């Protein structure tokens, strides 16, 4: 399934800036960055639960915001892209 992870971490303090870097690293380890605080992750249910646990361990719910959008393949998923960034197609053949 495709999961969109969006976050907004308060960076008013030094700890907030560190938290932002940690959240970004968790997301980078699982998916690809499509905007500054938005990632696309191709995961199964178990990976999604692990990702969610890791992100919740990093954020501070009192001041930060985290949203995970689950796009199930059974319903179909259409993504329209504009601009210079092109996302990786996880289903396409890998050419080395």
N, C-alpha and C. Protein backbone atom coordinates (compact mmCIF):
# COMPACT_ATOMS: atom_id res chain seq x y z
N UNK A 1 0.83 -1.17 0.00
CA UNK A 1 0.00 0.00 0.00
C UNK A 1 0.88 1.24 0.00
N UNK A 2 0.35 2.30 -0.52
CA UNK A 2 1.05 3.57 -0.53
C UNK A 2 0.58 4.39 0.66
N UNK A 3 1.52 4.91 1.44
CA UNK A 3 1.21 5.73 2.60
C UNK A 3 1.88 7.08 2.41
N UNK A 4 1.10 8.13 2.62
CA UNK A 4 1.63 9.49 2.57
C UNK A 4 1.82 9.94 4.02
N UNK A 5 3.03 10.33 4.36
CA UNK A 5 3.35 10.81 5.70
C UNK A 5 3.61 12.31 5.62
N UNK A 6 2.86 13.07 6.41
CA UNK A 6 3.02 14.53 6.47
C UNK A 6 3.25 14.90 7.93
N UNK A 7 4.17 15.82 8.14
CA UNK A 7 4.41 16.23 9.52
C UNK A 7 4.75 17.71 9.58
N UNK A 8 4.51 18.26 10.74
CA UNK A 8 4.86 19.64 11.04
C UNK A 8 5.41 19.62 12.46
N UNK A 9 6.71 19.79 12.58
CA UNK A 9 7.37 19.73 13.87
C UNK A 9 7.75 21.15 14.29
N UNK A 10 7.40 21.52 15.49
CA UNK A 10 7.74 22.84 16.01
C UNK A 10 9.25 22.95 16.16
N UNK A 11 9.84 23.97 15.53
CA UNK A 11 11.30 24.14 15.56
C UNK A 11 11.71 25.40 16.30
N UNK A 12 10.88 25.84 17.24
CA UNK A 12 11.19 27.06 18.00
C UNK A 12 12.31 26.86 19.00
N UNK A 13 12.56 25.60 19.36
CA UNK A 13 13.63 25.30 20.32
C UNK A 13 14.68 24.40 19.66
N UNK A 14 15.82 24.28 20.32
CA UNK A 14 16.88 23.39 19.83
C UNK A 14 16.38 21.95 19.81
N UNK A 15 15.65 21.56 20.85
CA UNK A 15 15.10 20.20 20.91
C UNK A 15 14.13 19.96 19.75
N UNK A 16 13.34 20.96 19.41
CA UNK A 16 12.41 20.85 18.29
C UNK A 16 13.14 20.63 16.97
N UNK A 17 14.24 21.34 16.77
CA UNK A 17 15.02 21.16 15.54
C UNK A 17 15.64 19.77 15.48
N UNK A 18 16.07 19.25 16.62
CA UNK A 18 16.59 17.86 16.67
C UNK A 18 15.48 16.86 16.38
N UNK A 19 14.30 17.12 16.94
CA UNK A 19 13.15 16.25 16.70
C UNK A 19 12.79 16.23 15.22
N UNK A 20 12.83 17.39 14.58
CA UNK A 20 12.54 17.47 13.15
C UNK A 20 13.52 16.60 12.35
N UNK A 21 14.79 16.66 12.67
CA UNK A 21 15.79 15.84 11.96
C UNK A 21 15.54 14.35 12.19
N UNK A 22 15.18 13.98 13.41
CA UNK A 22 14.92 12.56 13.71
C UNK A 22 13.69 12.06 12.96
N UNK A 23 12.63 12.87 12.92
CA UNK A 23 11.42 12.47 12.19
C UNK A 23 11.74 12.30 10.71
N UNK A 24 12.50 13.23 10.14
CA UNK A 24 12.87 13.14 8.73
C UNK A 24 13.69 11.88 8.46
N UNK A 25 14.61 11.54 9.35
CA UNK A 25 15.43 10.33 9.16
C UNK A 25 14.58 9.07 9.20
N UNK A 26 13.60 9.02 10.08
CA UNK A 26 12.70 7.86 10.13
C UNK A 26 11.97 7.74 8.80
N UNK A 27 11.46 8.85 8.29
CA UNK A 27 10.73 8.82 7.02
C UNK A 27 11.64 8.46 5.86
N UNK A 28 12.86 9.01 5.84
CA UNK A 28 13.80 8.70 4.76
C UNK A 28 14.19 7.23 4.75
N UNK A 29 14.18 6.58 5.90
CA UNK A 29 14.55 5.17 5.96
C UNK A 29 13.46 4.27 5.39
N UNK A 30 12.26 4.82 5.21
CA UNK A 30 11.14 4.00 4.75
C UNK A 30 10.62 4.40 3.38
N UNK A 31 10.70 5.69 3.04
CA UNK A 31 10.10 6.16 1.79
C UNK A 31 10.93 7.20 1.11
N UNK A 32 10.29 7.92 0.20
CA UNK A 32 11.00 8.96 -0.53
C UNK A 32 10.33 10.30 -0.26
N UNK A 33 11.17 11.32 -0.13
CA UNK A 33 10.68 12.66 0.13
C UNK A 33 10.10 13.23 -1.16
N UNK A 34 8.88 13.76 -1.08
CA UNK A 34 8.25 14.39 -2.24
C UNK A 34 8.09 15.89 -2.03
N UNK A 35 8.10 16.32 -0.80
CA UNK A 35 8.17 17.73 -0.43
C UNK A 35 8.91 17.80 0.89
N UNK A 36 9.15 19.00 1.40
CA UNK A 36 9.99 19.13 2.60
C UNK A 36 9.51 18.28 3.77
N UNK A 37 8.23 18.23 4.03
CA UNK A 37 7.71 17.46 5.15
C UNK A 37 6.67 16.44 4.71
N UNK A 38 6.82 15.94 3.48
CA UNK A 38 5.88 14.96 2.94
C UNK A 38 6.67 13.82 2.31
N UNK A 39 6.31 12.59 2.68
CA UNK A 39 6.99 11.41 2.16
C UNK A 39 5.98 10.43 1.61
N UNK A 40 6.37 9.71 0.56
CA UNK A 40 5.59 8.59 0.04
C UNK A 40 6.31 7.31 0.45
N UNK A 41 5.56 6.40 1.05
CA UNK A 41 6.15 5.15 1.52
C UNK A 41 5.35 3.98 0.98
N UNK A 42 6.02 3.06 0.31
CA UNK A 42 5.39 1.84 -0.18
C UNK A 42 5.66 0.77 0.86
N UNK A 43 4.63 0.40 1.64
CA UNK A 43 4.81 -0.49 2.77
C UNK A 43 3.68 -1.53 2.84
N UNK A 44 3.93 -2.57 3.61
CA UNK A 44 2.84 -3.50 3.94
C UNK A 44 2.30 -3.10 5.31
N UNK A 45 1.31 -3.81 5.81
CA UNK A 45 0.65 -3.43 7.06
C UNK A 45 1.62 -3.46 8.24
N UNK A 46 2.45 -4.47 8.30
CA UNK A 46 3.40 -4.57 9.40
C UNK A 46 4.41 -3.42 9.37
N UNK A 47 4.91 -3.07 8.18
CA UNK A 47 5.84 -1.95 8.06
C UNK A 47 5.16 -0.63 8.42
N UNK A 48 3.88 -0.48 8.05
CA UNK A 48 3.15 0.73 8.39
C UNK A 48 3.04 0.88 9.90
N UNK A 49 2.71 -0.19 10.59
CA UNK A 49 2.59 -0.12 12.05
C UNK A 49 3.93 0.21 12.70
N UNK A 50 5.01 -0.36 12.18
CA UNK A 50 6.35 -0.06 12.71
C UNK A 50 6.71 1.40 12.45
N UNK A 51 6.41 1.89 11.26
CA UNK A 51 6.69 3.29 10.93
C UNK A 51 5.91 4.22 11.85
N UNK A 52 4.65 3.92 12.04
CA UNK A 52 3.81 4.76 12.91
C UNK A 52 4.35 4.78 14.34
N UNK A 53 4.75 3.63 14.86
CA UNK A 53 5.31 3.56 16.22
C UNK A 53 6.59 4.39 16.32
N UNK A 54 7.46 4.26 15.32
CA UNK A 54 8.73 5.01 15.34
C UNK A 54 8.49 6.52 15.29
N UNK A 55 7.54 6.94 14.45
CA UNK A 55 7.24 8.37 14.34
C UNK A 55 6.60 8.91 15.62
N UNK A 56 5.68 8.15 16.20
CA UNK A 56 5.03 8.59 17.43
C UNK A 56 6.03 8.67 18.59
N UNK A 57 7.07 7.85 18.54
CA UNK A 57 8.11 7.91 19.57
C UNK A 57 8.96 9.17 19.44
N UNK A 58 9.01 9.76 18.25
CA UNK A 58 9.84 10.94 18.00
C UNK A 58 9.10 12.26 18.21
N UNK A 59 7.83 12.32 17.84
CA UNK A 59 7.14 13.61 17.89
C UNK A 59 6.66 13.93 19.31
N UNK A 60 6.37 15.19 19.52
CA UNK A 60 5.79 15.66 20.77
C UNK A 60 4.37 16.10 20.45
N UNK A 61 3.38 15.30 20.84
CA UNK A 61 2.00 15.52 20.39
C UNK A 61 1.43 16.85 20.87
N UNK A 62 2.02 17.46 21.89
CA UNK A 62 1.51 18.73 22.38
C UNK A 62 1.79 19.88 21.40
N UNK A 63 2.86 19.79 20.61
CA UNK A 63 3.25 20.91 19.74
C UNK A 63 3.45 20.50 18.28
N UNK A 64 3.56 19.21 17.99
CA UNK A 64 3.82 18.74 16.63
C UNK A 64 2.56 18.15 16.02
N UNK A 65 2.61 17.94 14.72
CA UNK A 65 1.48 17.34 14.00
C UNK A 65 2.02 16.24 13.08
N UNK A 66 1.35 15.11 13.07
CA UNK A 66 1.71 13.99 12.22
C UNK A 66 0.45 13.45 11.58
N UNK A 67 0.49 13.26 10.25
CA UNK A 67 -0.66 12.68 9.53
C UNK A 67 -0.15 11.58 8.62
N UNK A 68 -0.86 10.45 8.63
CA UNK A 68 -0.54 9.33 7.75
C UNK A 68 -1.77 9.03 6.92
N UNK A 69 -1.63 9.10 5.60
CA UNK A 69 -2.72 8.80 4.68
C UNK A 69 -2.44 7.45 4.05
N UNK A 70 -3.34 6.52 4.25
CA UNK A 70 -3.19 5.16 3.71
C UNK A 70 -4.01 5.08 2.43
N UNK A 71 -3.35 4.79 1.31
CA UNK A 71 -4.02 4.67 0.02
C UNK A 71 -3.98 3.21 -0.40
N UNK A 72 -5.06 2.53 -0.19
CA UNK A 72 -5.13 1.11 -0.49
C UNK A 72 -5.13 0.88 -2.00
N UNK A 73 -4.39 -0.12 -2.44
CA UNK A 73 -4.29 -0.41 -3.87
C UNK A 73 -5.59 -0.96 -4.44
N UNK A 74 -6.43 -1.55 -3.60
CA UNK A 74 -7.67 -2.13 -4.10
C UNK A 74 -8.63 -1.07 -4.62
N UNK A 75 -8.56 0.12 -4.08
CA UNK A 75 -9.43 1.21 -4.53
C UNK A 75 -8.83 1.97 -5.71
N UNK A 76 -7.61 1.72 -6.01
CA UNK A 76 -6.94 2.45 -7.07
C UNK A 76 -6.37 3.74 -6.54
N UNK A 77 -5.26 4.13 -7.06
CA UNK A 77 -4.59 5.33 -6.59
C UNK A 77 -4.06 6.09 -7.79
N UNK A 78 -4.44 7.31 -7.90
CA UNK A 78 -3.95 8.15 -9.00
C UNK A 78 -3.20 9.33 -8.41
N UNK A 79 -1.99 9.54 -8.88
CA UNK A 79 -1.18 10.66 -8.42
C UNK A 79 -0.85 11.51 -9.63
N UNK A 80 -1.17 12.77 -9.55
CA UNK A 80 -0.82 13.72 -10.62
C UNK A 80 0.33 14.57 -10.13
N UNK A 81 1.38 14.63 -10.93
CA UNK A 81 2.58 15.37 -10.54
C UNK A 81 2.79 16.55 -11.47
N UNK A 82 3.21 17.66 -10.91
CA UNK A 82 3.56 18.85 -11.68
C UNK A 82 4.85 19.41 -11.09
N UNK A 83 5.70 19.94 -11.93
CA UNK A 83 6.96 20.48 -11.44
C UNK A 83 8.12 19.58 -11.80
N UNK A 84 9.28 19.90 -11.27
CA UNK A 84 10.50 19.21 -11.68
C UNK A 84 10.75 17.88 -10.98
N UNK A 85 10.11 17.60 -9.85
CA UNK A 85 10.34 16.35 -9.13
C UNK A 85 9.53 15.21 -9.74
N UNK A 86 10.16 14.07 -9.90
CA UNK A 86 9.46 12.86 -10.35
C UNK A 86 9.74 11.76 -9.35
N UNK A 87 8.69 11.18 -8.82
CA UNK A 87 8.81 10.13 -7.81
C UNK A 87 9.25 8.82 -8.46
N UNK A 88 9.82 7.95 -7.65
CA UNK A 88 10.20 6.62 -8.12
C UNK A 88 8.95 5.77 -8.24
N UNK A 89 8.89 4.97 -9.29
CA UNK A 89 7.79 4.02 -9.46
C UNK A 89 8.24 2.70 -8.87
N UNK A 90 7.69 2.34 -7.70
CA UNK A 90 8.11 1.13 -7.01
C UNK A 90 7.72 -0.14 -7.76
N UNK A 91 6.72 -0.05 -8.63
CA UNK A 91 6.27 -1.24 -9.35
C UNK A 91 7.00 -1.43 -10.67
N UNK A 92 7.74 -0.45 -11.12
CA UNK A 92 8.45 -0.56 -12.39
C UNK A 92 9.70 -1.42 -12.23
N UNK A 93 10.21 -1.97 -13.32
CA UNK A 93 11.44 -2.78 -13.24
C UNK A 93 12.62 -1.91 -12.81
N UNK A 94 13.51 -2.48 -12.03
CA UNK A 94 14.69 -1.78 -11.56
C UNK A 94 15.83 -2.03 -12.54
N UNK A 95 16.36 -0.97 -13.10
CA UNK A 95 17.48 -1.07 -14.04
C UNK A 95 18.74 -0.62 -13.34
N UNK A 96 19.75 -1.49 -13.32
CA UNK A 96 20.99 -1.16 -12.63
C UNK A 96 22.09 -0.87 -13.63
